[in-house]
N, C-alpha and C. Protein backbone atom coordinates (compact mmCIF):
# COMPACT_ATOMS: atom_id res chain seq x y z
N UNK A 1 28.65 150.22 134.20
CA UNK A 1 29.56 150.09 134.83
C UNK A 1 28.63 148.80 135.17
N UNK A 2 28.55 147.67 135.95
CA UNK A 2 27.62 147.55 136.74
C UNK A 2 28.25 147.61 137.74
N UNK A 3 26.68 146.81 139.04
CA UNK A 3 27.35 147.43 140.22
C UNK A 3 27.87 146.17 140.52
N UNK A 4 28.16 144.54 140.33
CA UNK A 4 29.07 143.78 141.33
C UNK A 4 30.03 144.86 140.55
N UNK A 5 30.48 144.63 139.15
CA UNK A 5 31.25 144.97 138.85
C UNK A 5 32.47 146.08 140.05
N UNK A 6 31.50 147.06 140.12
CA UNK A 6 32.05 148.41 140.40
C UNK A 6 32.56 147.90 141.93
N UNK A 7 31.60 146.96 143.27
CA UNK A 7 32.10 146.96 144.12
C UNK A 7 33.62 146.18 144.07
N UNK A 8 33.58 144.89 143.02
CA UNK A 8 35.07 144.19 143.10
C UNK A 8 35.57 144.72 142.82
N UNK A 9 35.62 145.72 142.21
CA UNK A 9 37.17 146.47 142.11
C UNK A 9 37.68 147.76 143.47
N UNK A 10 36.25 148.11 144.09
CA UNK A 10 36.16 148.76 145.31
C UNK A 10 36.84 148.07 145.51
N UNK A 11 37.07 147.04 146.34
CA UNK A 11 37.60 145.62 147.19
C UNK A 11 38.20 145.17 146.84
N UNK A 12 38.62 144.08 145.96
CA UNK A 12 40.15 144.06 145.85
C UNK A 12 41.22 145.17 145.78
N UNK A 13 41.01 146.36 145.09
CA UNK A 13 42.14 147.18 144.59
C UNK A 13 42.22 147.43 146.22
N UNK A 14 41.42 147.86 146.92
CA UNK A 14 41.92 148.63 148.84
C UNK A 14 42.43 148.05 149.14
N UNK A 15 42.11 146.54 148.96
CA UNK A 15 42.65 145.02 150.07
C UNK A 15 43.87 144.86 149.23
N UNK A 16 43.71 144.48 148.69
CA UNK A 16 45.48 144.06 147.85
C UNK A 16 46.23 144.81 147.50
N UNK A 17 46.18 146.22 147.36
CA UNK A 17 46.91 147.07 147.54
C UNK A 17 47.60 147.09 148.34
N UNK A 18 47.43 146.55 149.54
CA UNK A 18 47.64 146.63 151.06
C UNK A 18 48.45 145.64 151.24
N UNK A 19 47.57 144.52 151.12
CA UNK A 19 47.64 143.59 151.24
C UNK A 19 49.09 142.47 151.12
N UNK A 20 49.39 142.54 149.51
CA UNK A 20 50.48 142.23 149.20
C UNK A 20 51.82 143.50 149.00
N UNK A 21 51.28 144.42 150.12
CA UNK A 21 52.94 144.81 150.08
C UNK A 21 53.86 143.84 150.73
N UNK A 22 55.46 144.31 150.03
CA UNK A 22 56.82 143.47 151.18
C UNK A 22 56.39 143.04 152.61
N UNK A 23 56.65 142.15 152.65
CA UNK A 23 56.67 142.22 153.91
C UNK A 23 56.11 141.18 154.94
N UNK A 24 56.10 140.89 155.36
CA UNK A 24 55.12 139.45 156.46
C UNK A 24 54.60 139.28 156.60
N UNK A 25 53.80 137.95 155.99
CA UNK A 25 52.48 137.71 155.57
C UNK A 25 51.95 136.64 156.33
N UNK A 26 50.89 136.48 157.04
CA UNK A 26 50.73 135.42 157.68
C UNK A 26 49.86 134.41 157.55
N UNK A 27 50.04 133.18 157.81
CA UNK A 27 49.26 131.84 157.54
C UNK A 27 48.14 131.55 158.59
N UNK A 28 47.19 131.43 158.16
CA UNK A 28 45.80 130.47 158.43
C UNK A 28 47.02 130.00 159.82
N UNK A 29 47.82 129.67 160.00
CA UNK A 29 48.13 128.61 161.79
C UNK A 29 49.09 129.90 162.84
N UNK A 30 49.24 131.02 161.64
CA UNK A 30 50.17 131.41 162.56
C UNK A 30 49.15 132.21 163.82
N UNK A 31 48.50 132.67 163.68
CA UNK A 31 47.36 132.36 165.47
C UNK A 31 46.73 131.75 165.71
N UNK A 32 46.35 132.34 167.10
CA UNK A 32 45.10 131.74 168.12
C UNK A 32 43.75 131.99 167.38
N UNK A 33 42.85 131.59 167.79
CA UNK A 33 41.50 131.85 167.96
C UNK A 33 40.99 132.64 169.25
N UNK A 34 40.64 133.63 169.20
CA UNK A 34 39.71 133.85 170.74
C UNK A 34 38.21 133.85 169.85
N UNK A 35 37.12 133.59 170.98
CA UNK A 35 36.42 134.24 171.70
C UNK A 35 36.14 135.25 172.12
N UNK A 36 34.81 136.45 171.34
CA UNK A 36 34.77 137.42 172.08
C UNK A 36 33.27 137.60 171.93
N UNK A 37 32.58 138.10 173.00
CA UNK A 37 30.97 138.22 173.14
C UNK A 37 31.29 140.17 172.87
N UNK A 38 29.98 140.46 171.51
CA UNK A 38 30.58 141.85 171.19
C UNK A 38 29.92 142.81 171.96
N UNK A 39 30.36 143.88 172.66
CA UNK A 39 29.59 144.86 173.28
C UNK A 39 28.34 146.49 172.44
N UNK A 40 28.18 146.74 172.87
CA UNK A 40 27.19 147.81 171.76
C UNK A 40 27.99 148.84 171.30
N UNK A 41 29.34 149.42 171.73
CA UNK A 41 30.35 149.94 171.40
C UNK A 41 31.44 149.89 170.67
N UNK A 42 31.77 148.61 170.27
CA UNK A 42 32.30 148.24 169.97
C UNK A 42 32.27 148.59 167.95
N UNK A 43 33.14 148.20 167.60
CA UNK A 43 33.90 148.70 166.43
C UNK A 43 34.85 147.51 165.71
N UNK A 44 35.00 146.71 164.63
CA UNK A 44 35.74 145.29 164.53
C UNK A 44 36.98 146.26 164.31
N UNK A 45 37.68 147.13 164.32
CA UNK A 45 39.15 147.96 164.22
C UNK A 45 39.09 148.43 165.92
N UNK A 46 38.63 148.16 166.95
CA UNK A 46 38.56 148.10 168.25
C UNK A 46 38.64 147.37 168.44
N UNK A 47 38.09 146.09 168.17
CA UNK A 47 38.19 144.30 168.36
C UNK A 47 39.92 143.88 168.07
N UNK A 48 40.11 144.30 167.22
CA UNK A 48 41.64 143.92 166.72
C UNK A 48 42.29 143.96 167.47
N UNK A 49 42.33 146.36 167.26
CA UNK A 49 43.40 146.34 167.83
C UNK A 49 43.44 146.49 169.82
N UNK A 50 42.31 145.60 170.14
CA UNK A 50 42.15 145.05 171.31
C UNK A 50 42.99 143.65 172.18
N UNK A 51 43.22 143.27 170.89
CA UNK A 51 43.04 141.95 171.28
C UNK A 51 44.48 141.11 170.30
N UNK A 52 45.25 141.65 169.85
CA UNK A 52 46.31 141.46 168.53
C UNK A 52 46.83 142.72 168.58
N UNK A 53 48.28 142.65 169.00
CA UNK A 53 50.15 143.08 168.49
C UNK A 53 49.90 143.28 167.08
N UNK A 54 49.03 144.94 166.57
CA UNK A 54 49.38 145.63 165.79
C UNK A 54 50.86 146.41 165.27
N UNK A 55 51.62 146.91 164.36
CA UNK A 55 52.72 147.76 164.50
C UNK A 55 52.28 148.38 162.72
N UNK A 56 51.87 147.91 162.56
CA UNK A 56 51.31 148.70 161.60
C UNK A 56 50.01 148.79 160.65
N UNK A 57 49.79 149.56 159.56
CA UNK A 57 48.65 149.78 159.24
C UNK A 57 48.52 147.78 158.02
N UNK A 58 49.89 147.41 158.10
CA UNK A 58 50.03 146.44 156.76
C UNK A 58 49.53 145.21 157.81
N UNK A 59 50.37 145.09 159.06
CA UNK A 59 49.89 144.23 159.42
C UNK A 59 48.47 144.40 160.06
N UNK A 60 47.79 145.60 160.28
CA UNK A 60 46.40 145.62 160.70
C UNK A 60 45.60 145.06 159.32
N UNK A 61 45.83 145.56 158.07
CA UNK A 61 45.39 144.63 156.77
C UNK A 61 45.05 143.20 157.01
N UNK A 62 46.50 142.26 157.03
CA UNK A 62 46.52 141.40 157.48
C UNK A 62 45.62 140.62 158.95
N UNK A 63 45.87 140.94 160.15
CA UNK A 63 45.03 140.63 160.79
C UNK A 63 43.20 140.54 160.50
N UNK A 64 43.17 142.40 159.92
CA UNK A 64 41.59 142.80 159.19
C UNK A 64 40.69 141.16 158.17
N UNK A 65 41.75 141.14 157.76
CA UNK A 65 41.44 139.84 156.56
C UNK A 65 40.78 138.82 157.12
N UNK A 66 42.19 138.40 158.75
CA UNK A 66 41.69 136.73 158.92
C UNK A 66 40.49 136.65 160.31
N UNK A 67 40.45 138.14 160.07
CA UNK A 67 39.25 138.70 161.16
C UNK A 67 37.93 138.51 159.93
N UNK A 68 37.89 138.30 159.39
CA UNK A 68 36.97 138.03 157.96
C UNK A 68 36.53 136.47 157.37
N UNK A 69 37.81 136.52 157.76
CA UNK A 69 37.88 135.04 157.33
C UNK A 69 37.52 133.81 158.19
N UNK A 70 37.04 134.20 159.37
CA UNK A 70 37.23 133.50 160.67
C UNK A 70 35.70 133.94 161.57
N UNK A 71 34.81 135.22 160.17
CA UNK A 71 33.23 135.32 161.32
C UNK A 71 32.82 136.24 159.75
N UNK A 72 32.60 135.25 158.93
CA UNK A 72 32.81 135.70 157.33
C UNK A 72 31.27 135.95 156.88
N UNK A 73 30.20 136.34 157.62
CA UNK A 73 29.38 137.04 157.55
C UNK A 73 29.54 138.47 158.22
N UNK A 74 30.48 138.81 158.65
CA UNK A 74 30.51 139.98 159.08
C UNK A 74 31.30 140.51 158.29
N UNK A 75 31.21 141.95 157.10
CA UNK A 75 32.41 142.30 157.09
C UNK A 75 32.64 144.34 157.25
N UNK A 76 31.59 144.23 157.67
CA UNK A 76 31.53 145.30 157.86
C UNK A 76 31.25 146.54 159.96
N UNK A 77 32.00 146.53 160.74
CA UNK A 77 31.57 146.87 161.90
C UNK A 77 29.92 147.13 161.52
N UNK A 78 29.13 147.64 161.56
CA UNK A 78 27.52 147.96 161.52
C UNK A 78 27.03 146.54 161.53
N UNK A 79 27.65 145.43 160.78
CA UNK A 79 26.62 144.43 161.29
C UNK A 79 27.79 143.43 162.70
N UNK A 80 27.91 143.99 162.95
CA UNK A 80 28.57 143.57 164.45
C UNK A 80 26.93 144.00 165.73
N UNK A 81 26.93 142.66 165.94
CA UNK A 81 25.44 142.64 167.42
C UNK A 81 25.34 142.75 168.94
N UNK A 82 25.28 143.33 169.65
CA UNK A 82 25.79 143.44 170.92
C UNK A 82 25.29 142.52 171.76
N UNK A 83 25.89 141.54 171.82
CA UNK A 83 26.20 140.83 173.13
C UNK A 83 26.14 138.81 172.20
N UNK A 84 26.35 139.66 170.27
CA UNK A 84 27.19 138.24 169.66
C UNK A 84 27.89 137.89 169.90
N UNK A 85 29.20 137.01 169.70
CA UNK A 85 30.35 135.54 169.88
C UNK A 85 31.04 136.43 168.51
N UNK A 86 32.17 137.20 168.34
CA UNK A 86 33.07 136.65 167.14
C UNK A 86 34.30 136.12 167.73
N UNK A 87 34.83 134.85 166.65
CA UNK A 87 36.63 135.06 166.52
C UNK A 87 36.86 136.06 166.28
N UNK A 88 38.14 136.57 166.99
CA UNK A 88 39.01 136.44 166.82
C UNK A 88 40.24 136.40 166.37
N UNK A 89 41.04 136.69 165.44
CA UNK A 89 42.96 136.30 165.66
C UNK A 89 43.50 136.62 166.63
N UNK A 90 44.29 136.42 166.98
CA UNK A 90 45.36 137.08 168.14
C UNK A 90 46.87 136.53 167.95
N UNK A 91 47.51 137.37 166.89
CA UNK A 91 48.79 136.65 166.35
C UNK A 91 49.33 137.83 167.28
N UNK A 92 49.52 138.00 168.03
CA UNK A 92 50.56 138.44 169.17
C UNK A 92 49.78 139.45 171.05
N UNK A 93 49.86 139.12 171.84
CA UNK A 93 49.01 139.57 173.05
C UNK A 93 50.02 141.29 172.71
N UNK A 94 48.56 142.41 173.09
CA UNK A 94 48.90 143.54 173.09
C UNK A 94 50.44 144.25 173.91
N UNK A 95 50.76 145.20 173.17
CA UNK A 95 52.26 145.42 174.41
C UNK A 95 52.61 146.96 174.11
N UNK A 96 53.75 147.48 174.93
CA UNK A 96 53.46 148.71 174.32
C UNK A 96 54.09 149.35 173.55
N UNK A 97 54.51 148.24 172.28
CA UNK A 97 54.76 148.76 171.22
C UNK A 97 53.82 148.13 169.77
N UNK A 98 52.40 148.03 170.70
CA UNK A 98 51.46 147.73 169.53
C UNK A 98 50.57 149.12 169.22
N UNK A 99 50.12 148.87 167.88
CA UNK A 99 49.05 150.33 167.60
C UNK A 99 48.43 150.51 169.33
N UNK A 100 47.81 150.40 169.89
CA UNK A 100 46.55 150.83 170.56
C UNK A 100 45.28 151.58 169.52
N UNK A 101 44.00 151.44 170.44
CA UNK A 101 42.68 152.17 169.86
C UNK A 101 42.60 153.44 170.34
N UNK A 102 42.40 154.48 169.74
CA UNK A 102 42.40 155.65 170.42
C UNK A 102 41.15 156.29 169.04
N UNK A 103 40.78 157.06 169.36
CA UNK A 103 39.83 158.40 168.40
C UNK A 103 41.49 159.31 167.23
N UNK A 104 40.74 159.01 166.09
CA UNK A 104 41.62 159.45 165.43
C UNK A 104 40.93 160.92 164.06
N UNK A 105 41.69 161.06 164.11
CA UNK A 105 40.70 163.16 163.11
C UNK A 105 41.23 163.12 161.64
N UNK A 106 40.23 163.02 161.35
CA UNK A 106 40.12 164.47 159.98
C UNK A 106 40.12 164.72 159.47
N UNK A 107 41.83 165.33 159.21
CA UNK A 107 42.32 166.84 159.09
C UNK A 107 42.42 167.64 157.94
N UNK A 108 42.11 167.06 156.93
CA UNK A 108 42.03 167.79 155.33
C UNK A 108 41.67 166.54 154.36
N UNK A 109 40.81 167.13 153.64
CA UNK A 109 40.05 166.88 152.45
C UNK A 109 41.05 167.04 150.81
N UNK A 110 41.97 166.65 150.21
CA UNK A 110 41.74 167.36 148.97
C UNK A 110 41.08 166.71 147.52
N UNK A 111 41.12 167.22 146.75
CA UNK A 111 41.06 166.41 145.04
C UNK A 111 41.88 167.34 144.34
N UNK A 112 42.02 166.22 143.32
CA UNK A 112 43.49 166.20 142.71
C UNK A 112 42.41 165.86 140.69
N UNK A 113 42.53 166.73 139.48
CA UNK A 113 41.94 165.56 138.91
C UNK A 113 42.91 166.00 137.21
N UNK A 114 43.02 164.13 137.20
CA UNK A 114 44.06 164.20 135.72
C UNK A 114 43.90 164.42 134.54
N UNK A 115 44.42 163.47 134.20
CA UNK A 115 44.03 162.74 132.19
C UNK A 115 42.53 162.23 132.34
N UNK A 116 42.89 160.96 132.98
CA UNK A 116 42.17 159.98 133.55
C UNK A 116 41.38 159.65 134.51
N UNK A 117 41.91 160.19 135.99
CA UNK A 117 41.86 159.22 137.48
C UNK A 117 41.36 160.81 137.87
N UNK A 118 40.39 160.31 138.57
CA UNK A 118 40.70 161.48 139.83
C UNK A 118 41.22 161.21 141.25
N UNK A 119 41.94 162.06 141.80
CA UNK A 119 42.41 161.57 142.83
C UNK A 119 41.37 161.84 145.64
N UNK A 120 41.02 161.52 145.38
CA UNK A 120 40.76 161.95 146.67
C UNK A 120 42.12 162.22 147.84
N UNK A 121 42.58 162.56 148.85
CA UNK A 121 43.72 162.43 149.61
C UNK A 121 42.85 162.63 150.68
N UNK A 122 43.01 161.54 151.68
CA UNK A 122 41.92 161.85 152.61
C UNK A 122 43.57 162.53 153.99
N UNK A 123 43.53 162.66 154.80
CA UNK A 123 44.35 163.70 155.76
C UNK A 123 44.24 163.49 156.83
N UNK A 124 44.28 161.92 157.85
CA UNK A 124 44.71 161.87 159.20
C UNK A 124 45.51 162.27 160.00
N UNK A 125 45.49 162.27 161.84
CA UNK A 125 46.81 162.55 162.12
C UNK A 125 46.69 161.07 163.15
N UNK A 126 46.65 159.53 162.72
CA UNK A 126 46.94 158.95 162.57
C UNK A 126 46.60 157.57 161.87
N UNK A 127 47.36 156.61 161.55
CA UNK A 127 47.15 155.08 161.31
C UNK A 127 45.53 155.23 161.29
N UNK A 128 44.37 154.55 159.92
CA UNK A 128 43.33 153.77 160.72
C UNK A 128 42.81 153.49 158.94
N UNK A 129 42.26 152.65 158.86
CA UNK A 129 41.78 152.26 157.18
C UNK A 129 39.92 152.06 157.61
N UNK A 130 39.86 152.61 156.53
CA UNK A 130 37.90 152.56 156.58
C UNK A 130 37.28 151.24 155.95
N UNK A 131 36.09 150.92 156.80
CA UNK A 131 35.98 149.68 155.88
C UNK A 131 35.15 150.61 153.94
N UNK A 132 34.92 150.23 153.30
CA UNK A 132 34.44 150.23 152.47
C UNK A 132 33.17 149.62 151.33
N UNK A 133 31.93 150.74 150.93
CA UNK A 133 31.11 150.09 150.14
C UNK A 133 30.32 150.88 148.94
N UNK A 134 29.54 150.24 148.84
CA UNK A 134 29.01 150.76 147.87
C UNK A 134 27.54 150.93 147.09
N UNK A 135 26.61 151.97 146.38
CA UNK A 135 25.00 152.26 147.32
C UNK A 135 25.20 152.56 145.43
N UNK A 136 23.70 152.75 144.55
CA UNK A 136 24.00 152.89 143.22
C UNK A 136 22.56 153.41 143.27
N UNK A 137 22.26 154.79 143.06
CA UNK A 137 21.37 155.17 142.65
C UNK A 137 20.95 156.14 141.32
N UNK A 138 20.83 155.47 140.22
CA UNK A 138 20.64 154.97 138.94
C UNK A 138 22.75 155.56 138.01
N UNK A 139 22.29 156.97 138.11
CA UNK A 139 23.45 157.26 137.09
C UNK A 139 24.96 157.44 138.32
N UNK A 140 24.75 157.64 138.66
CA UNK A 140 25.78 157.25 140.47
C UNK A 140 25.85 156.47 141.05
N UNK A 141 27.04 156.29 141.46
CA UNK A 141 27.76 155.01 141.83
C UNK A 141 28.18 156.40 143.72
N UNK A 142 27.59 155.90 144.62
CA UNK A 142 28.83 156.56 146.42
C UNK A 142 29.26 155.42 146.59
N UNK A 143 30.32 155.64 146.50
CA UNK A 143 31.53 155.06 147.22
C UNK A 143 31.14 155.47 148.89
N UNK A 144 30.50 154.86 149.57
CA UNK A 144 31.48 155.13 150.99
C UNK A 144 32.12 154.53 152.05
N UNK A 145 33.72 155.38 152.94
CA UNK A 145 34.31 155.59 153.28
C UNK A 145 33.96 155.21 154.59
N UNK A 146 34.13 154.01 155.49
CA UNK A 146 33.83 154.64 157.38
C UNK A 146 34.95 154.70 157.90
N UNK A 147 35.10 155.97 158.30
CA UNK A 147 36.55 155.18 159.40
C UNK A 147 36.32 155.23 160.51
N UNK A 148 35.89 154.01 161.91
CA UNK A 148 35.68 153.87 162.86
C UNK A 148 36.66 154.31 163.42
N UNK A 149 36.20 154.74 164.29
CA UNK A 149 36.61 155.32 165.88
C UNK A 149 37.50 156.44 165.21
N UNK A 150 36.68 157.60 163.72
CA UNK A 150 37.84 158.43 163.52
C UNK A 150 36.53 160.46 163.25
N UNK A 151 36.46 160.81 163.84
CA UNK A 151 36.17 162.13 163.62
C UNK A 151 36.03 163.56 162.91
N UNK A 152 35.89 163.97 162.16
CA UNK A 152 36.95 165.67 161.05
C UNK A 152 36.73 166.31 162.24
N UNK A 153 38.13 166.72 162.01
CA UNK A 153 38.00 168.39 162.88
C UNK A 153 36.70 169.25 162.83
N UNK A 154 36.62 169.83 164.27
CA UNK A 154 34.81 170.19 163.76
C UNK A 154 35.17 171.50 162.52
N UNK A 155 36.80 172.15 162.43
CA UNK A 155 36.23 173.63 160.66
C UNK A 155 36.23 172.31 159.42
N UNK A 156 35.91 171.42 159.52
CA UNK A 156 36.82 170.75 158.48
C UNK A 156 35.02 171.01 157.54
N UNK A 157 35.45 171.84 155.66
CA UNK A 157 34.23 171.39 155.40
C UNK A 157 33.85 170.25 154.93
N UNK A 158 32.44 169.66 154.97
CA UNK A 158 31.47 168.68 155.23
C UNK A 158 31.19 168.36 153.94
N UNK A 159 32.02 169.22 152.80
CA UNK A 159 30.94 169.32 151.47
C UNK A 159 31.50 170.04 149.84
N UNK A 160 31.89 168.53 149.35
CA UNK A 160 32.29 169.32 147.78
C UNK A 160 32.22 169.11 147.31
N UNK A 161 31.23 170.40 145.95
CA UNK A 161 30.63 170.37 145.14
C UNK A 161 31.43 170.55 144.18
N UNK A 162 30.38 170.08 142.59
CA UNK A 162 31.26 170.21 141.23
C UNK A 162 33.30 170.59 141.16
N UNK A 163 33.10 169.14 141.33
CA UNK A 163 34.82 168.40 141.48
C UNK A 163 35.15 168.09 140.24
N UNK A 164 34.48 167.04 139.40
CA UNK A 164 35.59 166.20 138.39
C UNK A 164 34.28 165.43 137.78
N UNK A 165 34.58 164.93 136.59
CA UNK A 165 33.83 164.46 135.51
C UNK A 165 34.08 162.71 136.15
N UNK A 166 34.11 162.56 136.66
CA UNK A 166 34.39 160.83 137.57
C UNK A 166 33.26 161.72 139.34
N UNK A 167 34.37 161.91 139.61
CA UNK A 167 34.07 162.14 140.96
C UNK A 167 32.92 163.40 141.01
N UNK A 168 32.06 163.72 140.96
CA UNK A 168 31.13 165.01 141.49
C UNK A 168 31.37 165.43 142.72
N UNK A 169 30.57 164.82 143.76
CA UNK A 169 30.86 165.85 145.22
C UNK A 169 31.12 164.62 146.23
N UNK A 170 31.89 165.21 147.79
CA UNK A 170 32.27 164.81 148.23
C UNK A 170 32.42 165.18 149.46
N UNK A 171 30.73 164.28 150.10
CA UNK A 171 30.11 164.99 151.31
C UNK A 171 30.63 163.45 152.56
N UNK A 172 30.59 164.78 154.40
CA UNK A 172 31.83 164.35 155.14
C UNK A 172 30.18 164.43 155.52
N UNK A 173 30.57 163.22 157.27
CA UNK A 173 29.70 163.23 158.02
C UNK A 173 30.22 162.32 159.02
N UNK A 174 29.00 162.98 160.57
CA UNK A 174 29.60 161.84 161.91
C UNK A 174 28.77 161.49 162.54
N UNK A 175 29.25 159.97 163.04
CA UNK A 175 27.84 159.45 164.46
C UNK A 175 29.37 159.87 165.89
N UNK A 176 27.99 159.66 166.17
CA UNK A 176 28.97 159.44 168.26
C UNK A 176 28.54 158.40 168.44
N UNK A 177 27.42 157.71 168.57
CA UNK A 177 26.94 156.55 169.47
C UNK A 177 26.97 155.78 168.27
N UNK A 178 26.53 154.05 167.99
CA UNK A 178 27.02 153.03 169.03
C UNK A 178 28.68 153.59 169.57
N UNK A 179 29.46 154.10 168.07
CA UNK A 179 31.17 153.91 168.65
C UNK A 179 31.11 155.87 167.36
N UNK A 180 31.99 156.31 168.21
CA UNK A 180 32.68 157.00 167.24
C UNK A 180 33.59 155.99 166.06
N UNK A 181 32.56 157.28 164.63
CA UNK A 181 32.80 156.48 163.35
C UNK A 181 32.86 158.05 162.27
N UNK A 182 33.39 158.57 161.36
CA UNK A 182 33.62 159.84 160.48
C UNK A 182 33.31 158.64 158.83
N UNK A 183 32.18 159.25 158.59
CA UNK A 183 31.59 158.79 157.34
C UNK A 183 32.20 159.76 155.77
N UNK A 184 32.42 159.07 154.80
CA UNK A 184 33.22 160.12 153.55
C UNK A 184 32.67 159.43 152.24
N UNK A 185 32.28 160.47 151.34
CA UNK A 185 30.80 160.00 150.67
C UNK A 185 31.63 160.17 149.25
N UNK A 186 31.93 159.71 148.80
CA UNK A 186 32.50 160.14 146.95
C UNK A 186 30.87 159.39 145.98
N UNK A 187 30.13 160.35 145.58
CA UNK A 187 29.52 160.25 144.19
C UNK A 187 30.51 160.29 142.76
N UNK A 188 30.09 159.63 142.15
CA UNK A 188 30.73 159.01 140.76
C UNK A 188 29.95 158.36 139.99
N UNK A 189 30.06 159.45 138.75
CA UNK A 189 29.47 159.13 137.18
C UNK A 189 29.61 157.29 136.71
N UNK A 190 28.44 156.57 137.45
CA UNK A 190 28.52 155.23 137.19
C UNK A 190 29.16 154.39 135.49
N UNK A 191 28.75 155.33 134.43
CA UNK A 191 29.13 155.55 133.26
C UNK A 191 30.40 155.38 132.98
N UNK A 192 31.58 156.35 133.70
CA UNK A 192 32.25 156.60 133.72
C UNK A 192 33.63 156.25 133.70
N UNK A 193 32.30 155.14 135.38
CA UNK A 193 34.33 154.47 136.32
C UNK A 193 34.11 153.65 135.84
N UNK A 194 35.78 153.41 135.39
CA UNK A 194 36.29 152.07 135.36
C UNK A 194 36.25 151.48 136.52
N UNK A 195 37.39 151.83 137.63
CA UNK A 195 37.32 150.91 138.81
C UNK A 195 38.20 151.98 140.21
N UNK A 196 38.49 151.50 141.04
CA UNK A 196 38.98 152.34 141.65
C UNK A 196 40.00 151.68 142.83
N UNK A 197 41.17 152.86 142.94
CA UNK A 197 42.81 151.95 143.94
C UNK A 197 42.81 152.72 144.60
N UNK A 198 43.28 152.31 145.78
CA UNK A 198 42.92 152.80 147.23
C UNK A 198 44.40 152.12 147.59
N UNK A 199 45.03 153.73 148.69
CA UNK A 199 46.00 153.01 148.90
C UNK A 199 46.43 154.17 150.13
N UNK A 200 47.30 153.57 151.45
CA UNK A 200 47.77 154.50 153.06
C UNK A 200 48.95 154.76 152.75
N UNK A 201 49.44 155.79 152.46
CA UNK A 201 51.38 156.18 153.26
C UNK A 201 50.44 156.07 154.49
N UNK A 202 51.60 155.05 154.86
CA UNK A 202 51.73 155.65 156.45
C UNK A 202 52.60 156.42 157.31
N UNK A 203 52.88 157.09 156.45
CA UNK A 203 54.24 157.71 157.67
C UNK A 203 54.01 159.20 157.27
N UNK A 204 52.41 160.13 156.90
CA UNK A 204 51.70 160.95 156.08
C UNK A 204 50.65 160.72 157.01
N UNK A 205 50.14 159.36 157.48
CA UNK A 205 48.49 158.71 157.90
C UNK A 205 47.57 159.93 156.21
N UNK A 206 47.85 158.82 155.28
CA UNK A 206 47.31 159.37 154.12
C UNK A 206 46.50 158.77 153.67
N UNK A 207 45.69 158.56 153.44
CA UNK A 207 44.68 157.39 151.94
C UNK A 207 43.87 158.10 151.66
N UNK A 208 44.32 157.17 150.29
CA UNK A 208 44.50 158.45 149.13
C UNK A 208 43.17 157.24 147.88
N UNK A 209 42.11 157.60 147.20
CA UNK A 209 41.37 156.80 146.12
C UNK A 209 41.75 157.92 145.22
N UNK A 210 41.91 156.62 144.26
CA UNK A 210 41.86 157.35 143.25
C UNK A 210 40.75 156.36 141.92
N UNK A 211 40.33 157.27 141.50
CA UNK A 211 38.35 157.29 140.56
C UNK A 211 39.40 156.47 139.81
N UNK A 212 39.39 155.33 138.64
CA UNK A 212 39.97 155.79 137.50
C UNK A 212 38.55 155.58 135.91
N UNK A 213 38.85 156.21 134.83
CA UNK A 213 37.68 155.63 133.74
C UNK A 213 37.82 154.74 133.64
N UNK A 214 37.42 154.31 132.43
CA UNK A 214 36.67 153.02 132.02
C UNK A 214 37.97 153.20 130.47
N UNK A 215 38.44 152.02 130.55
CA UNK A 215 39.00 151.93 129.21
C UNK A 215 40.94 152.26 129.07
N UNK A 216 41.56 153.28 130.78
CA UNK A 216 42.36 154.05 131.01
C UNK A 216 43.34 152.85 130.45
N UNK A 217 44.25 153.56 130.12
CA UNK A 217 45.77 152.82 130.12
C UNK A 217 46.49 153.21 130.25
N UNK A 218 46.70 154.38 130.41
CA UNK A 218 47.47 155.72 131.40
C UNK A 218 48.34 155.33 133.04
N UNK A 219 49.43 155.61 132.33
CA UNK A 219 50.32 155.14 134.09
C UNK A 219 49.38 156.64 134.16
N UNK A 220 50.07 155.94 136.28
CA UNK A 220 49.60 156.83 136.97
C UNK A 220 50.48 158.34 136.96
């Protein structure tokens, strides 16, 4: 699979599976714009949650999309530069019923192999969606999931090896500065993987990545 195709499948399957869920869809004219000067410890998630009211991950997905449209050169939190200015979409001022920016923990990671796909289940103790991007290395593609404002629980296993035909390995890591960030990396066989889908099960705080084999026509 070509790198460009793989990246586009990752991005669109991740973003639109959530963004097109039934419910409120904000149009561009539905929000105000507020300038904000970036601090060293900021992430995109922290900026959004401290400036606008988000009550669900569907709300957050729409706010995240609007942030990307207003700041087209900033796709991921590591591209934020302290002292620079971003434009923040403000749909409604934060209040007691809105999600607050707090640290979230990764509680467990599970793997499941099916006939033509392999699933990675990431269990959290709160609602959070990761930044996703890919890194290519010859026969392997690394799918990187950065959970801003999250850390794995201390006793969580950090490496899972010899998993399946599509997903060979899962690695967990974290950073504390400039902001807390958990990183989960999937090592995937580029020649076999066709696309990636993702889903967030809100009532369980469960994030699922599904790696589907090339030319698969089988239902989940």
